[in-house]
């Protein structure tokens, strides 16, 4: 397996695992009952990082 092929498969796995571009995570975060919306927004942005960088690496 070449390096380019490994990068391609890694990017594909990352895009599929975090549902990039579909907006489904925003629906769940928007319905959260929280007294701190800023913290909820930070958690929402961390979702993609944790899923793509930590889990898929």
PDB file of N, CA and C in Angstrom:
ATOM      1  N   UNK A   1       0.847  -1.173   0.000  1.00  0.00           N
ATOM      2  CA  UNK A   1       0.000   0.000   0.000  1.00  0.00           C
ATOM      3  C   UNK A   1       0.895   1.240   0.000  1.00  0.00           C
ATOM      4  N   UNK A   2       0.604   2.144  -0.873  1.00  0.00           N
ATOM      5  CA  UNK A   2       1.395   3.368  -0.953  1.00  0.00           C
ATOM      6  C   UNK A   2       0.928   4.369   0.093  1.00  0.00           C
ATOM      7  N   UNK A   3       1.741   5.364   0.321  1.00  0.00           N
ATOM      8  CA  UNK A   3       1.407   6.397   1.295  1.00  0.00           C
ATOM      9  C   UNK A   3       0.175   7.170   0.846  1.00  0.00           C
ATOM     10  N   UNK A   4       0.095   7.494  -0.438  1.00  0.00           N
ATOM     11  CA  UNK A   4      -1.060   8.239  -0.953  1.00  0.00           C
ATOM     12  C   UNK A   4      -2.349   7.447  -0.762  1.00  0.00           C
ATOM     13  N   UNK A   5      -2.277   6.159  -0.979  1.00  0.00           N
ATOM     14  CA  UNK A   5      -3.466   5.318  -0.806  1.00  0.00           C
ATOM     15  C   UNK A   5      -3.875   5.248   0.667  1.00  0.00           C
ATOM     16  N   UNK A   6      -2.904   5.177   1.551  1.00  0.00           N
ATOM     17  CA  UNK A   6      -3.194   5.157   2.985  1.00  0.00           C
ATOM     18  C   UNK A   6      -3.837   6.464   3.430  1.00  0.00           C
ATOM     19  N   UNK A   7      -3.342   7.583   2.912  1.00  0.00           N
ATOM     20  CA  UNK A   7      -3.932   8.883   3.240  1.00  0.00           C
ATOM     21  C   UNK A   7      -5.356   8.960   2.719  1.00  0.00           C
ATOM     22  N   UNK A   8      -5.588   8.473   1.509  1.00  0.00           N
ATOM     23  CA  UNK A   8      -6.927   8.497   0.927  1.00  0.00           C
ATOM     24  C   UNK A   8      -7.914   7.697   1.769  1.00  0.00           C
ATOM     25  N   UNK A   9      -7.519   6.497   2.183  1.00  0.00           N
ATOM     26  CA  UNK A   9      -8.411   5.675   3.006  1.00  0.00           C
ATOM     27  C   UNK A   9      -8.633   6.298   4.383  1.00  0.00           C
ATOM     28  N   UNK A  10      -7.609   6.917   4.929  1.00  0.00           N
ATOM     29  CA  UNK A  10      -7.761   7.583   6.220  1.00  0.00           C
ATOM     30  C   UNK A  10      -8.717   8.753   6.156  1.00  0.00           C
ATOM     31  N   UNK A  11      -8.609   9.555   5.109  1.00  0.00           N
ATOM     32  CA  UNK A  11      -9.530  10.681   4.944  1.00  0.00           C
ATOM     33  C   UNK A  11     -10.955  10.208   4.705  1.00  0.00           C
ATOM     34  N   UNK A  12     -11.113   9.146   3.931  1.00  0.00           N
ATOM     35  CA  UNK A  12     -12.454   8.608   3.685  1.00  0.00           C
ATOM     36  C   UNK A  12     -13.078   8.089   4.975  1.00  0.00           C
ATOM     37  N   UNK A  13     -12.300   7.373   5.775  1.00  0.00           N
ATOM     38  CA  UNK A  13     -12.817   6.872   7.049  1.00  0.00           C
ATOM     39  C   UNK A  13     -13.215   8.016   7.962  1.00  0.00           C
ATOM     40  N   UNK A  14     -12.409   9.071   7.990  1.00  0.00           N
ATOM     41  CA  UNK A  14     -12.723  10.220   8.823  1.00  0.00           C
ATOM     42  C   UNK A  14     -13.989  10.925   8.380  1.00  0.00           C
ATOM     43  N   UNK A  15     -14.168  11.070   7.074  1.00  0.00           N
ATOM     44  CA  UNK A  15     -15.365  11.734   6.555  1.00  0.00           C
ATOM     45  C   UNK A  15     -16.619  10.911   6.807  1.00  0.00           C
ATOM     46  N   UNK A  16     -16.512   9.607   6.662  1.00  0.00           N
ATOM     47  CA  UNK A  16     -17.679   8.755   6.898  1.00  0.00           C
ATOM     48  C   UNK A  16     -18.007   8.643   8.378  1.00  0.00           C
ATOM     49  N   UNK A  17     -17.007   8.591   9.225  1.00  0.00           N
ATOM     50  CA  UNK A  17     -17.271   8.370  10.646  1.00  0.00           C
ATOM     51  C   UNK A  17     -17.880   9.585  11.326  1.00  0.00           C
ATOM     52  N   UNK A  18     -17.540  10.793  10.898  1.00  0.00           N
ATOM     53  CA  UNK A  18     -18.126  11.967  11.549  1.00  0.00           C
ATOM     54  C   UNK A  18     -19.239  12.594  10.717  1.00  0.00           C
ATOM     55  N   UNK A  19     -19.675  11.901   9.681  1.00  0.00           N
ATOM     56  CA  UNK A  19     -20.775  12.351   8.825  1.00  0.00           C
ATOM     57  C   UNK A  19     -20.542  13.777   8.336  1.00  0.00           C
ATOM     58  N   UNK A  20     -19.370  14.017   7.808  1.00  0.00           N
ATOM     59  CA  UNK A  20     -18.966  15.353   7.388  1.00  0.00           C
ATOM     60  C   UNK A  20     -19.939  15.943   6.376  1.00  0.00           C
ATOM     61  N   UNK A  21     -20.449  17.104   6.690  1.00  0.00           N
ATOM     62  CA  UNK A  21     -21.303  17.828   5.765  1.00  0.00           C
ATOM     63  C   UNK A  21     -22.782  17.514   5.841  1.00  0.00           C
ATOM     64  N   UNK A  22     -23.183  16.513   6.620  1.00  0.00           N
ATOM     65  CA  UNK A  22     -24.608  16.173   6.662  1.00  0.00           C
ATOM     66  C   UNK A  22     -25.373  16.985   7.685  1.00  0.00           C
ATOM     67  N   UNK A  23     -24.709  17.471   8.710  1.00  0.00           N
ATOM     68  CA  UNK A  23     -25.362  18.326   9.695  1.00  0.00           C
ATOM     69  C   UNK A  23     -26.184  17.598  10.736  1.00  0.00           C
ATOM     70  N   UNK A  24     -26.036  16.291  10.854  1.00  0.00           N
ATOM     71  CA  UNK A  24     -26.843  15.557  11.830  1.00  0.00           C
ATOM     72  C   UNK A  24     -26.416  15.850  13.263  1.00  0.00           C
ATOM     73  N   UNK A  25     -25.150  16.115  13.498  1.00  0.00           N
ATOM     74  CA  UNK A  25     -24.691  16.411  14.857  1.00  0.00           C
ATOM     75  C   UNK A  25     -25.285  17.726  15.358  1.00  0.00           C
ATOM     76  N   UNK A  26     -25.471  18.678  14.470  1.00  0.00           N
ATOM     77  CA  UNK A  26     -26.045  19.963  14.873  1.00  0.00           C
ATOM     78  C   UNK A  26     -27.463  19.807  15.397  1.00  0.00           C
ATOM     79  N   UNK A  27     -28.205  18.871  14.851  1.00  0.00           N
ATOM     80  CA  UNK A  27     -29.570  18.626  15.320  1.00  0.00           C
ATOM     81  C   UNK A  27     -29.550  18.174  16.774  1.00  0.00           C
ATOM     82  N   UNK A  28     -28.666  17.264  17.104  1.00  0.00           N
ATOM     83  CA  UNK A  28     -28.598  16.756  18.471  1.00  0.00           C
ATOM     84  C   UNK A  28     -28.090  17.806  19.453  1.00  0.00           C
ATOM     85  N   UNK A  29     -27.113  18.589  19.036  1.00  0.00           N
ATOM     86  CA  UNK A  29     -26.595  19.625  19.926  1.00  0.00           C
ATOM     87  C   UNK A  29     -27.595  20.769  20.087  1.00  0.00           C
ATOM     88  N   UNK A  30     -28.391  21.030  19.089  1.00  0.00           N
ATOM     89  CA  UNK A  30     -29.376  22.108  19.182  1.00  0.00           C
ATOM     90  C   UNK A  30     -30.499  21.774  20.151  1.00  0.00           C
ATOM     91  N   UNK A  31     -30.796  20.502  20.327  1.00  0.00           N
ATOM     92  CA  UNK A  31     -31.886  20.109  21.224  1.00  0.00           C
ATOM     93  C   UNK A  31     -31.431  19.904  22.662  1.00  0.00           C
ATOM     94  N   UNK A  32     -30.157  20.094  22.942  1.00  0.00           N
ATOM     95  CA  UNK A  32     -29.645  19.897  24.306  1.00  0.00           C
ATOM     96  C   UNK A  32     -30.193  20.975  25.235  1.00  0.00           C
ATOM     97  N   UNK A  33     -30.652  20.548  26.389  1.00  0.00           N
ATOM     98  CA  UNK A  33     -31.140  21.477  27.410  1.00  0.00           C
ATOM     99  C   UNK A  33     -29.960  21.821  28.321  1.00  0.00           C
ATOM    100  N   UNK A  34     -29.398  23.001  28.124  1.00  0.00           N
ATOM    101  CA  UNK A  34     -28.211  23.387  28.887  1.00  0.00           C
ATOM    102  C   UNK A  34     -28.310  24.841  29.314  1.00  0.00           C
ATOM    103  N   UNK A  35     -27.695  25.133  30.442  1.00  0.00           N
ATOM    104  CA  UNK A  35     -27.662  26.525  30.904  1.00  0.00           C
ATOM    105  C   UNK A  35     -26.422  27.255  30.383  1.00  0.00           C
ATOM    106  N   UNK A  36     -25.513  26.520  29.738  1.00  0.00           N
ATOM    107  CA  UNK A  36     -24.289  27.109  29.195  1.00  0.00           C
ATOM    108  C   UNK A  36     -24.158  26.776  27.711  1.00  0.00           C
ATOM    109  N   UNK A  37     -24.772  27.572  26.835  1.00  0.00           N
ATOM    110  CA  UNK A  37     -24.726  27.268  25.402  1.00  0.00           C
ATOM    111  C   UNK A  37     -23.325  27.365  24.794  1.00  0.00           C
ATOM    112  N   UNK A  38     -22.466  28.199  25.360  1.00  0.00           N
ATOM    113  CA  UNK A  38     -21.104  28.312  24.833  1.00  0.00           C
ATOM    114  C   UNK A  38     -20.353  27.000  25.051  1.00  0.00           C
ATOM    115  N   UNK A  39     -20.511  26.419  26.228  1.00  0.00           N
ATOM    116  CA  UNK A  39     -19.863  25.132  26.510  1.00  0.00           C
ATOM    117  C   UNK A  39     -20.406  24.047  25.583  1.00  0.00           C
ATOM    118  N   UNK A  40     -21.691  24.074  25.326  1.00  0.00           N
ATOM    119  CA  UNK A  40     -22.290  23.097  24.408  1.00  0.00           C
ATOM    120  C   UNK A  40     -21.706  23.252  23.005  1.00  0.00           C
ATOM    121  N   UNK A  41     -21.491  24.483  22.576  1.00  0.00           N
ATOM    122  CA  UNK A  41     -20.880  24.722  21.269  1.00  0.00           C
ATOM    123  C   UNK A  41     -19.445  24.223  21.198  1.00  0.00           C
ATOM    124  N   UNK A  42     -18.695  24.403  22.278  1.00  0.00           N
ATOM    125  CA  UNK A  42     -17.320  23.897  22.310  1.00  0.00           C
ATOM    126  C   UNK A  42     -17.298  22.373  22.268  1.00  0.00           C
ATOM    127  N   UNK A  43     -18.213  21.745  22.973  1.00  0.00           N
ATOM    128  CA  UNK A  43     -18.302  20.285  22.933  1.00  0.00           C
ATOM    129  C   UNK A  43     -18.651  19.823  21.525  1.00  0.00           C
ATOM    130  N   UNK A  44     -19.540  20.542  20.861  1.00  0.00           N
ATOM    131  CA  UNK A  44     -19.920  20.186  19.490  1.00  0.00           C
ATOM    132  C   UNK A  44     -18.722  20.268  18.550  1.00  0.00           C
ATOM    133  N   UNK A  45     -17.880  21.267  18.728  1.00  0.00           N
ATOM    134  CA  UNK A  45     -16.709  21.376  17.855  1.00  0.00           C
ATOM    135  C   UNK A  45     -15.654  20.332  18.196  1.00  0.00           C
ATOM    136  N   UNK A  46     -15.609  19.890  19.428  1.00  0.00           N
ATOM    137  CA  UNK A  46     -14.665  18.844  19.816  1.00  0.00           C
ATOM    138  C   UNK A  46     -15.077  17.473  19.295  1.00  0.00           C
ATOM    139  N   UNK A  47     -16.353  17.272  19.031  1.00  0.00           N
ATOM    140  CA  UNK A  47     -16.834  15.981  18.516  1.00  0.00           C
ATOM    141  C   UNK A  47     -16.077  15.566  17.262  1.00  0.00           C
ATOM    142  N   UNK A  48     -15.975  16.472  16.327  1.00  0.00           N
ATOM    143  CA  UNK A  48     -15.314  16.164  15.061  1.00  0.00           C
ATOM    144  C   UNK A  48     -13.835  15.880  15.288  1.00  0.00           C
ATOM    145  N   UNK A  49     -13.189  16.666  16.122  1.00  0.00           N
ATOM    146  CA  UNK A  49     -11.767  16.453  16.400  1.00  0.00           C
ATOM    147  C   UNK A  49     -11.525  15.093  17.042  1.00  0.00           C
ATOM    148  N   UNK A  50     -12.289  14.773  18.068  1.00  0.00           N
ATOM    149  CA  UNK A  50     -12.097  13.501  18.767  1.00  0.00           C
ATOM    150  C   UNK A  50     -12.359  12.333  17.837  1.00  0.00           C
ATOM    151  N   UNK A  51     -13.426  12.415  17.073  1.00  0.00           N
ATOM    152  CA  UNK A  51     -13.767  11.309  16.177  1.00  0.00           C
ATOM    153  C   UNK A  51     -12.729  11.124  15.080  1.00  0.00           C
ATOM    154  N   UNK A  52     -12.334  12.198  14.442  1.00  0.00           N
ATOM    155  CA  UNK A  52     -11.439  12.090  13.293  1.00  0.00           C
ATOM    156  C   UNK A  52      -9.984  11.873  13.698  1.00  0.00           C
ATOM    157  N   UNK A  53      -9.484  12.642  14.632  1.00  0.00           N
ATOM    158  CA  UNK A  53      -8.066  12.577  14.981  1.00  0.00           C
ATOM    159  C   UNK A  53      -7.769  11.448  15.966  1.00  0.00           C
ATOM    160  N   UNK A  54      -8.555  11.331  17.017  1.00  0.00           N
ATOM    161  CA  UNK A  54      -8.249  10.356  18.063  1.00  0.00           C
ATOM    162  C   UNK A  54      -8.694   8.951  17.680  1.00  0.00           C
ATOM    163  N   UNK A  55      -9.933   8.793  17.268  1.00  0.00           N
ATOM    164  CA  UNK A  55     -10.469   7.461  17.002  1.00  0.00           C
ATOM    165  C   UNK A  55      -9.979   6.905  15.671  1.00  0.00           C
ATOM    166  N   UNK A  56      -9.960   7.721  14.617  1.00  0.00           N
ATOM    167  CA  UNK A  56      -9.595   7.219  13.286  1.00  0.00           C
ATOM    168  C   UNK A  56      -8.093   7.184  13.033  1.00  0.00           C
ATOM    169  N   UNK A  57      -7.297   7.628  13.969  1.00  0.00           N
ATOM    170  CA  UNK A  57      -5.839   7.602  13.765  1.00  0.00           C
ATOM    171  C   UNK A  57      -5.250   6.296  14.227  1.00  0.00           C
TER     172      UNK A  57
END
